[in-house]
Amino acid sequence: MRKKIVAGNWKMNKVLDEAVALTSELITM
């Protein structure tokens, strides 16, 4: 069974506070 994967490439975006907020929102959702 192949792994089902969704990867998010943020590239050169987000300052630290924004990166942390995005991660927290994604984990909750």
PDB file of all heavy atoms in Angstrom:
ATOM      1  N   MET A   1       0.848  -1.198   0.000  1.00  0.00           N
ATOM      2  CA  MET A   1       0.000   0.000   0.000  1.00  0.00           C
ATOM      3  C   MET A   1       0.881   1.244   0.000  1.00  0.00           C
ATOM      4  O   MET A   1       1.701   1.438   0.884  1.00  0.00           O
ATOM      5  CB  MET A   1      -0.889  -0.003   1.232  1.00  0.00           C
ATOM      6  CG  MET A   1      -1.960   1.073   1.214  1.00  0.00           C
ATOM      7  SD  MET A   1      -3.281   0.673   0.065  1.00  0.00           S
ATOM      8  CE  MET A   1      -4.393   2.044   0.372  1.00  0.00           C
ATOM      9  N   ARG A   2       0.722   2.074  -1.036  1.00  0.00           N
ATOM     10  CA  ARG A   2       1.556   3.269  -1.134  1.00  0.00           C
ATOM     11  C   ARG A   2       1.136   4.300  -0.096  1.00  0.00           C
ATOM     12  O   ARG A   2      -0.036   4.438   0.229  1.00  0.00           O
ATOM     13  CB  ARG A   2       1.442   3.877  -2.534  1.00  0.00           C
ATOM     14  CG  ARG A   2       1.979   2.969  -3.633  1.00  0.00           C
ATOM     15  CD  ARG A   2       2.209   3.742  -4.909  1.00  0.00           C
ATOM     16  NE  ARG A   2       1.019   4.312  -5.491  1.00  0.00           N
ATOM     17  CZ  ARG A   2       0.271   3.713  -6.420  1.00  0.00           C
ATOM     18  NH1 ARG A   2       0.585   2.497  -6.836  1.00  0.00           N
ATOM     19  NH2 ARG A   2      -0.779   4.308  -6.936  1.00  0.00           N
ATOM     20  N   LYS A   3       2.131   5.049   0.404  1.00  0.00           N
ATOM     21  CA  LYS A   3       1.850   6.116   1.355  1.00  0.00           C
ATOM     22  C   LYS A   3       1.096   7.241   0.656  1.00  0.00           C
ATOM     23  O   LYS A   3       1.425   7.633  -0.466  1.00  0.00           O
ATOM     24  CB  LYS A   3       3.150   6.665   1.939  1.00  0.00           C
ATOM     25  CG  LYS A   3       3.885   5.712   2.850  1.00  0.00           C
ATOM     26  CD  LYS A   3       5.176   6.350   3.340  1.00  0.00           C
ATOM     27  CE  LYS A   3       5.959   5.395   4.215  1.00  0.00           C
ATOM     28  NZ  LYS A   3       7.258   5.963   4.628  1.00  0.00           N
ATOM     29  N   LYS A   4       0.081   7.761   1.328  1.00  0.00           N
ATOM     30  CA  LYS A   4      -0.635   8.944   0.865  1.00  0.00           C
ATOM     31  C   LYS A   4      -0.002  10.145   1.559  1.00  0.00           C
ATOM     32  O   LYS A   4       0.067  10.195   2.795  1.00  0.00           O
ATOM     33  CB  LYS A   4      -2.120   8.851   1.205  1.00  0.00           C
ATOM     34  CG  LYS A   4      -2.778   7.550   0.745  1.00  0.00           C
ATOM     35  CD  LYS A   4      -2.648   7.340  -0.752  1.00  0.00           C
ATOM     36  CE  LYS A   4      -3.347   6.056  -1.186  1.00  0.00           C
ATOM     37  NZ  LYS A   4      -3.180   5.785  -2.634  1.00  0.00           N
ATOM     38  N   ILE A   5       0.482  11.091   0.774  1.00  0.00           N
ATOM     39  CA  ILE A   5       1.298  12.188   1.313  1.00  0.00           C
ATOM     40  C   ILE A   5       0.819  13.522   0.761  1.00  0.00           C
ATOM     41  O   ILE A   5       0.557  13.655  -0.448  1.00  0.00           O
ATOM     42  CB  ILE A   5       2.788  11.995   0.935  1.00  0.00           C
ATOM     43  CG1 ILE A   5       3.344  10.710   1.565  1.00  0.00           C
ATOM     44  CG2 ILE A   5       3.622  13.199   1.339  1.00  0.00           C
ATOM     45  CD1 ILE A   5       4.722  10.329   1.059  1.00  0.00           C
ATOM     46  N   VAL A   6       0.708  14.504   1.626  1.00  0.00           N
ATOM     47  CA  VAL A   6       0.538  15.888   1.190  1.00  0.00           C
ATOM     48  C   VAL A   6       1.629  16.705   1.877  1.00  0.00           C
ATOM     49  O   VAL A   6       1.715  16.746   3.104  1.00  0.00           O
ATOM     50  CB  VAL A   6      -0.852  16.450   1.544  1.00  0.00           C
ATOM     51  CG1 VAL A   6      -0.947  17.913   1.123  1.00  0.00           C
ATOM     52  CG2 VAL A   6      -1.950  15.631   0.861  1.00  0.00           C
ATOM     53  N   ALA A   7       2.486  17.314   1.064  1.00  0.00           N
ATOM     54  CA  ALA A   7       3.609  18.098   1.576  1.00  0.00           C
ATOM     55  C   ALA A   7       3.399  19.569   1.252  1.00  0.00           C
ATOM     56  O   ALA A   7       2.957  19.908   0.154  1.00  0.00           O
ATOM     57  CB  ALA A   7       4.923  17.611   0.969  1.00  0.00           C
ATOM     58  N   GLY A   8       3.705  20.428   2.217  1.00  0.00           N
ATOM     59  CA  GLY A   8       3.572  21.871   2.022  1.00  0.00           C
ATOM     60  C   GLY A   8       4.931  22.532   1.977  1.00  0.00           C
ATOM     61  O   GLY A   8       5.647  22.546   2.981  1.00  0.00           O
ATOM     62  N   ASN A   9       5.295  23.058   0.820  1.00  0.00           N
ATOM     63  CA  ASN A   9       6.580  23.737   0.641  1.00  0.00           C
ATOM     64  C   ASN A   9       6.382  25.233   0.837  1.00  0.00           C
ATOM     65  O   ASN A   9       5.824  25.915  -0.022  1.00  0.00           O
ATOM     66  CB  ASN A   9       7.132  23.439  -0.761  1.00  0.00           C
ATOM     67  CG  ASN A   9       8.459  24.130  -1.005  1.00  0.00           C
ATOM     68  OD1 ASN A   9       9.125  24.595  -0.075  1.00  0.00           O
ATOM     69  ND2 ASN A   9       8.866  24.193  -2.266  1.00  0.00           N
ATOM     70  N   TRP A  10       6.850  25.724   1.980  1.00  0.00           N
ATOM     71  CA  TRP A  10       6.644  27.133   2.311  1.00  0.00           C
ATOM     72  C   TRP A  10       7.603  28.064   1.564  1.00  0.00           C
ATOM     73  O   TRP A  10       7.429  29.287   1.603  1.00  0.00           O
ATOM     74  CB  TRP A  10       6.810  27.351   3.821  1.00  0.00           C
ATOM     75  CG  TRP A  10       5.821  26.606   4.658  1.00  0.00           C
ATOM     76  CD1 TRP A  10       4.794  25.807   4.218  1.00  0.00           C
ATOM     77  CD2 TRP A  10       5.753  26.578   6.084  1.00  0.00           C
ATOM     78  NE1 TRP A  10       4.101  25.292   5.283  1.00  0.00           N
ATOM     79  CE2 TRP A  10       4.663  25.746   6.448  1.00  0.00           C
ATOM     80  CE3 TRP A  10       6.506  27.176   7.091  1.00  0.00           C
ATOM     81  CZ2 TRP A  10       4.323  25.491   7.767  1.00  0.00           C
ATOM     82  CZ3 TRP A  10       6.165  26.929   8.415  1.00  0.00           C
ATOM     83  CH2 TRP A  10       5.082  26.101   8.753  1.00  0.00           C
ATOM     84  N   LYS A  11       8.607  27.503   0.935  1.00  0.00           N
ATOM     85  CA  LYS A  11       9.613  28.291   0.201  1.00  0.00           C
ATOM     86  C   LYS A  11      10.189  29.381   1.128  1.00  0.00           C
ATOM     87  O   LYS A  11      10.389  29.132   2.316  1.00  0.00           O
ATOM     88  CB  LYS A  11       9.018  28.845  -1.089  1.00  0.00           C
ATOM     89  CG  LYS A  11       8.405  27.724  -1.944  1.00  0.00           C
ATOM     90  CD  LYS A  11       7.974  28.169  -3.302  1.00  0.00           C
ATOM     91  CE  LYS A  11       7.378  27.002  -4.080  1.00  0.00           C
ATOM     92  NZ  LYS A  11       7.022  27.354  -5.462  1.00  0.00           N
ATOM     93  N   MET A  12      10.478  30.560   0.630  1.00  0.00           N
ATOM     94  CA  MET A  12      11.057  31.618   1.470  1.00  0.00           C
ATOM     95  C   MET A  12       9.943  32.564   1.925  1.00  0.00           C
ATOM     96  O   MET A  12       9.865  33.724   1.513  1.00  0.00           O
ATOM     97  CB  MET A  12      12.165  32.375   0.726  1.00  0.00           C
ATOM     98  CG  MET A  12      13.053  33.204   1.665  1.00  0.00           C
ATOM     99  SD  MET A  12      14.448  34.013   0.835  1.00  0.00           S
ATOM    100  CE  MET A  12      13.612  35.271  -0.133  1.00  0.00           C
ATOM    101  N   ASN A  13       9.071  32.026   2.765  1.00  0.00           N
ATOM    102  CA  ASN A  13       7.926  32.780   3.262  1.00  0.00           C
ATOM    103  C   ASN A  13       7.763  32.572   4.762  1.00  0.00           C
ATOM    104  O   ASN A  13       8.219  31.583   5.313  1.00  0.00           O
ATOM    105  CB  ASN A  13       6.642  32.325   2.551  1.00  0.00           C
ATOM    106  CG  ASN A  13       6.614  32.716   1.090  1.00  0.00           C
ATOM    107  OD1 ASN A  13       6.546  33.895   0.749  1.00  0.00           O
ATOM    108  ND2 ASN A  13       6.689  31.725   0.213  1.00  0.00           N
ATOM    109  N   LYS A  14       7.082  33.517   5.390  1.00  0.00           N
ATOM    110  CA  LYS A  14       6.721  33.515   6.804  1.00  0.00           C
ATOM    111  C   LYS A  14       7.883  33.930   7.713  1.00  0.00           C
ATOM    112  O   LYS A  14       8.984  33.397   7.626  1.00  0.00           O
ATOM    113  CB  LYS A  14       6.209  32.138   7.265  1.00  0.00           C
ATOM    114  CG  LYS A  14       4.992  31.618   6.512  1.00  0.00           C
ATOM    115  CD  LYS A  14       3.746  32.451   6.789  1.00  0.00           C
ATOM    116  CE  LYS A  14       2.510  31.858   6.137  1.00  0.00           C
ATOM    117  NZ  LYS A  14       1.313  32.701   6.330  1.00  0.00           N
ATOM    118  N   VAL A  15       7.593  34.889   8.594  1.00  0.00           N
ATOM    119  CA  VAL A  15       8.497  35.155   9.718  1.00  0.00           C
ATOM    120  C   VAL A  15       8.132  34.158  10.813  1.00  0.00           C
ATOM    121  O   VAL A  15       7.139  33.444  10.725  1.00  0.00           O
ATOM    122  CB  VAL A  15       8.394  36.611  10.207  1.00  0.00           C
ATOM    123  CG1 VAL A  15       8.840  37.563   9.109  1.00  0.00           C
ATOM    124  CG2 VAL A  15       6.988  36.936  10.691  1.00  0.00           C
ATOM    125  N   LEU A  16       8.933  34.106  11.870  1.00  0.00           N
ATOM    126  CA  LEU A  16       8.798  33.039  12.857  1.00  0.00           C
ATOM    127  C   LEU A  16       7.408  32.968  13.467  1.00  0.00           C
ATOM    128  O   LEU A  16       6.807  31.879  13.548  1.00  0.00           O
ATOM    129  CB  LEU A  16       9.852  33.197  13.952  1.00  0.00           C
ATOM    130  CG  LEU A  16       9.814  32.141  15.064  1.00  0.00           C
ATOM    131  CD1 LEU A  16       9.980  30.744  14.489  1.00  0.00           C
ATOM    132  CD2 LEU A  16      10.878  32.437  16.110  1.00  0.00           C
ATOM    133  N   ASP A  17       6.871  34.080  13.924  1.00  0.00           N
ATOM    134  CA  ASP A  17       5.549  34.057  14.560  1.00  0.00           C
ATOM    135  C   ASP A  17       4.482  33.523  13.601  1.00  0.00           C
ATOM    136  O   ASP A  17       3.575  32.778  14.004  1.00  0.00           O
ATOM    137  CB  ASP A  17       5.160  35.455  15.038  1.00  0.00           C
ATOM    138  CG  ASP A  17       5.955  35.901  16.258  1.00  0.00           C
ATOM    139  OD1 ASP A  17       6.647  35.047  16.851  1.00  0.00           O
ATOM    140  OD2 ASP A  17       5.888  37.095  16.609  1.00  0.00           O
ATOM    141  N   GLU A  18       4.582  33.909  12.338  1.00  0.00           N
ATOM    142  CA  GLU A  18       3.618  33.428  11.341  1.00  0.00           C
ATOM    143  C   GLU A  18       3.780  31.927  11.101  1.00  0.00           C
ATOM    144  O   GLU A  18       2.792  31.200  10.939  1.00  0.00           O
ATOM    145  CB  GLU A  18       3.822  34.182  10.029  1.00  0.00           C
ATOM    146  CG  GLU A  18       3.484  35.662  10.106  1.00  0.00           C
ATOM    147  CD  GLU A  18       3.910  36.433   8.877  1.00  0.00           C
ATOM    148  OE1 GLU A  18       4.845  35.981   8.177  1.00  0.00           O
ATOM    149  OE2 GLU A  18       3.322  37.497   8.609  1.00  0.00           O
ATOM    150  N   ALA A  19       5.018  31.459  11.081  1.00  0.00           N
ATOM    151  CA  ALA A  19       5.281  30.034  10.872  1.00  0.00           C
ATOM    152  C   ALA A  19       4.719  29.201  12.013  1.00  0.00           C
ATOM    153  O   ALA A  19       4.108  28.137  11.795  1.00  0.00           O
ATOM    154  CB  ALA A  19       6.786  29.797  10.732  1.00  0.00           C
ATOM    155  N   VAL A  20       4.902  29.669  13.234  1.00  0.00           N
ATOM    156  CA  VAL A  20       4.382  28.967  14.408  1.00  0.00           C
ATOM    157  C   VAL A  20       2.853  28.967  14.394  1.00  0.00           C
ATOM    158  O   VAL A  20       2.210  27.934  14.672  1.00  0.00           O
ATOM    159  CB  VAL A  20       4.915  29.608  15.701  1.00  0.00           C
ATOM    160  CG1 VAL A  20       4.161  29.092  16.918  1.00  0.00           C
ATOM    161  CG2 VAL A  20       6.411  29.332  15.844  1.00  0.00           C
ATOM    162  N   ALA A  21       2.253  30.101  14.065  1.00  0.00           N
ATOM    163  CA  ALA A  21       0.787  30.194  14.023  1.00  0.00           C
ATOM    164  C   ALA A  21       0.214  29.247  12.972  1.00  0.00           C
ATOM    165  O   ALA A  21      -0.780  28.546  13.227  1.00  0.00           O
ATOM    166  CB  ALA A  21       0.363  31.635  13.733  1.00  0.00           C
ATOM    167  N   LEU A  22       0.833  29.201  11.795  1.00  0.00           N
ATOM    168  CA  LEU A  22       0.369  28.319  10.734  1.00  0.00           C
ATOM    169  C   LEU A  22       0.460  26.855  11.169  1.00  0.00           C
ATOM    170  O   LEU A  22      -0.482  26.073  10.967  1.00  0.00           O
ATOM    171  CB  LEU A  22       1.198  28.544   9.468  1.00  0.00           C
ATOM    172  CG  LEU A  22       0.929  27.615   8.285  1.00  0.00           C
ATOM    173  CD1 LEU A  22      -0.533  27.688   7.845  1.00  0.00           C
ATOM    174  CD2 LEU A  22       1.855  27.963   7.113  1.00  0.00           C
ATOM    175  N   THR A  23       1.569  26.484  11.779  1.00  0.00           N
ATOM    176  CA  THR A  23       1.746  25.108  12.237  1.00  0.00           C
ATOM    177  C   THR A  23       0.690  24.736  13.266  1.00  0.00           C
ATOM    178  O   THR A  23       0.076  23.657  13.192  1.00  0.00           O
ATOM    179  CB  THR A  23       3.155  24.920  12.837  1.00  0.00           C
ATOM    180  OG1 THR A  23       4.138  25.283  11.868  1.00  0.00           O
ATOM    181  CG2 THR A  23       3.372  23.480  13.265  1.00  0.00           C
ATOM    182  N   SER A  24       0.464  25.604  14.238  1.00  0.00           N
ATOM    183  CA  SER A  24      -0.523  25.342  15.280  1.00  0.00           C
ATOM    184  C   SER A  24      -1.924  25.178  14.696  1.00  0.00           C
ATOM    185  O   SER A  24      -2.681  24.276  15.093  1.00  0.00           O
ATOM    186  CB  SER A  24      -0.519  26.477  16.311  1.00  0.00           C
ATOM    187  OG  SER A  24       0.731  26.577  16.954  1.00  0.00           O
ATOM    188  N   GLU A  25      -2.270  26.026  13.743  1.00  0.00           N
ATOM    189  CA  GLU A  25      -3.581  25.928  13.099  1.00  0.00           C
ATOM    190  C   GLU A  25      -3.715  24.615  12.344  1.00  0.00           C
ATOM    191  O   GLU A  25      -4.758  23.951  12.415  1.00  0.00           O
ATOM    192  CB  GLU A  25      -3.783  27.110  12.148  1.00  0.00           C
ATOM    193  CG  GLU A  25      -3.951  28.450  12.849  1.00  0.00           C
ATOM    194  CD  GLU A  25      -3.856  29.627  11.882  1.00  0.00           C
ATOM    195  OE1 GLU A  25      -3.785  29.382  10.654  1.00  0.00           O
ATOM    196  OE2 GLU A  25      -3.848  30.774  12.352  1.00  0.00           O
ATOM    197  N   LEU A  26      -2.678  24.220  11.637  1.00  0.00           N
ATOM    198  CA  LEU A  26      -2.726  22.980  10.857  1.00  0.00           C
ATOM    199  C   LEU A  26      -2.864  21.759  11.760  1.00  0.00           C
ATOM    200  O   LEU A  26      -3.616  20.827  11.451  1.00  0.00           O
ATOM    201  CB  LEU A  26      -1.476  22.852   9.985  1.00  0.00           C
ATOM    202  CG  LEU A  26      -1.380  23.815   8.802  1.00  0.00           C
ATOM    203  CD1 LEU A  26      -0.002  23.740   8.155  1.00  0.00           C
ATOM    204  CD2 LEU A  26      -2.466  23.503   7.774  1.00  0.00           C
ATOM    205  N   ILE A  27      -2.138  21.756  12.859  1.00  0.00           N
ATOM    206  CA  ILE A  27      -2.226  20.623  13.788  1.00  0.00           C
ATOM    207  C   ILE A  27      -3.653  20.492  14.328  1.00  0.00           C
ATOM    208  O   ILE A  27      -4.234  19.401  14.357  1.00  0.00           O
ATOM    209  CB  ILE A  27      -1.221  20.787  14.940  1.00  0.00           C
ATOM    210  CG1 ILE A  27       0.206  20.622  14.416  1.00  0.00           C
ATOM    211  CG2 ILE A  27      -1.497  19.773  16.048  1.00  0.00           C
ATOM    212  CD1 ILE A  27       1.273  20.998  15.423  1.00  0.00           C
ATOM    213  N   THR A  28      -4.235  21.610  14.738  1.00  0.00           N
ATOM    214  CA  THR A  28      -5.600  21.595  15.277  1.00  0.00           C
ATOM    215  C   THR A  28      -6.597  21.136  14.223  1.00  0.00           C
ATOM    216  O   THR A  28      -7.451  20.274  14.476  1.00  0.00           O
ATOM    217  CB  THR A  28      -5.996  22.989  15.783  1.00  0.00           C
ATOM    218  OG1 THR A  28      -5.102  23.379  16.826  1.00  0.00           O
ATOM    219  CG2 THR A  28      -7.429  22.993  16.305  1.00  0.00           C
ATOM    220  N   MET A  29      -6.493  21.684  13.026  1.00  0.00           N
ATOM    221  CA  MET A  29      -7.427  21.324  11.960  1.00  0.00           C
ATOM    222  C   MET A  29      -7.267  19.871  11.544  1.00  0.00           C
ATOM    223  O   MET A  29      -8.254  19.162  11.293  1.00  0.00           O
ATOM    224  CB  MET A  29      -7.218  22.246  10.755  1.00  0.00           C
ATOM    225  CG  MET A  29      -7.649  23.674  10.985  1.00  0.00           C
ATOM    226  SD  MET A  29      -7.328  24.712   9.533  1.00  0.00           S
ATOM    227  CE  MET A  29      -7.958  26.297  10.096  1.00  0.00           C
TER     228      MET A  29
END
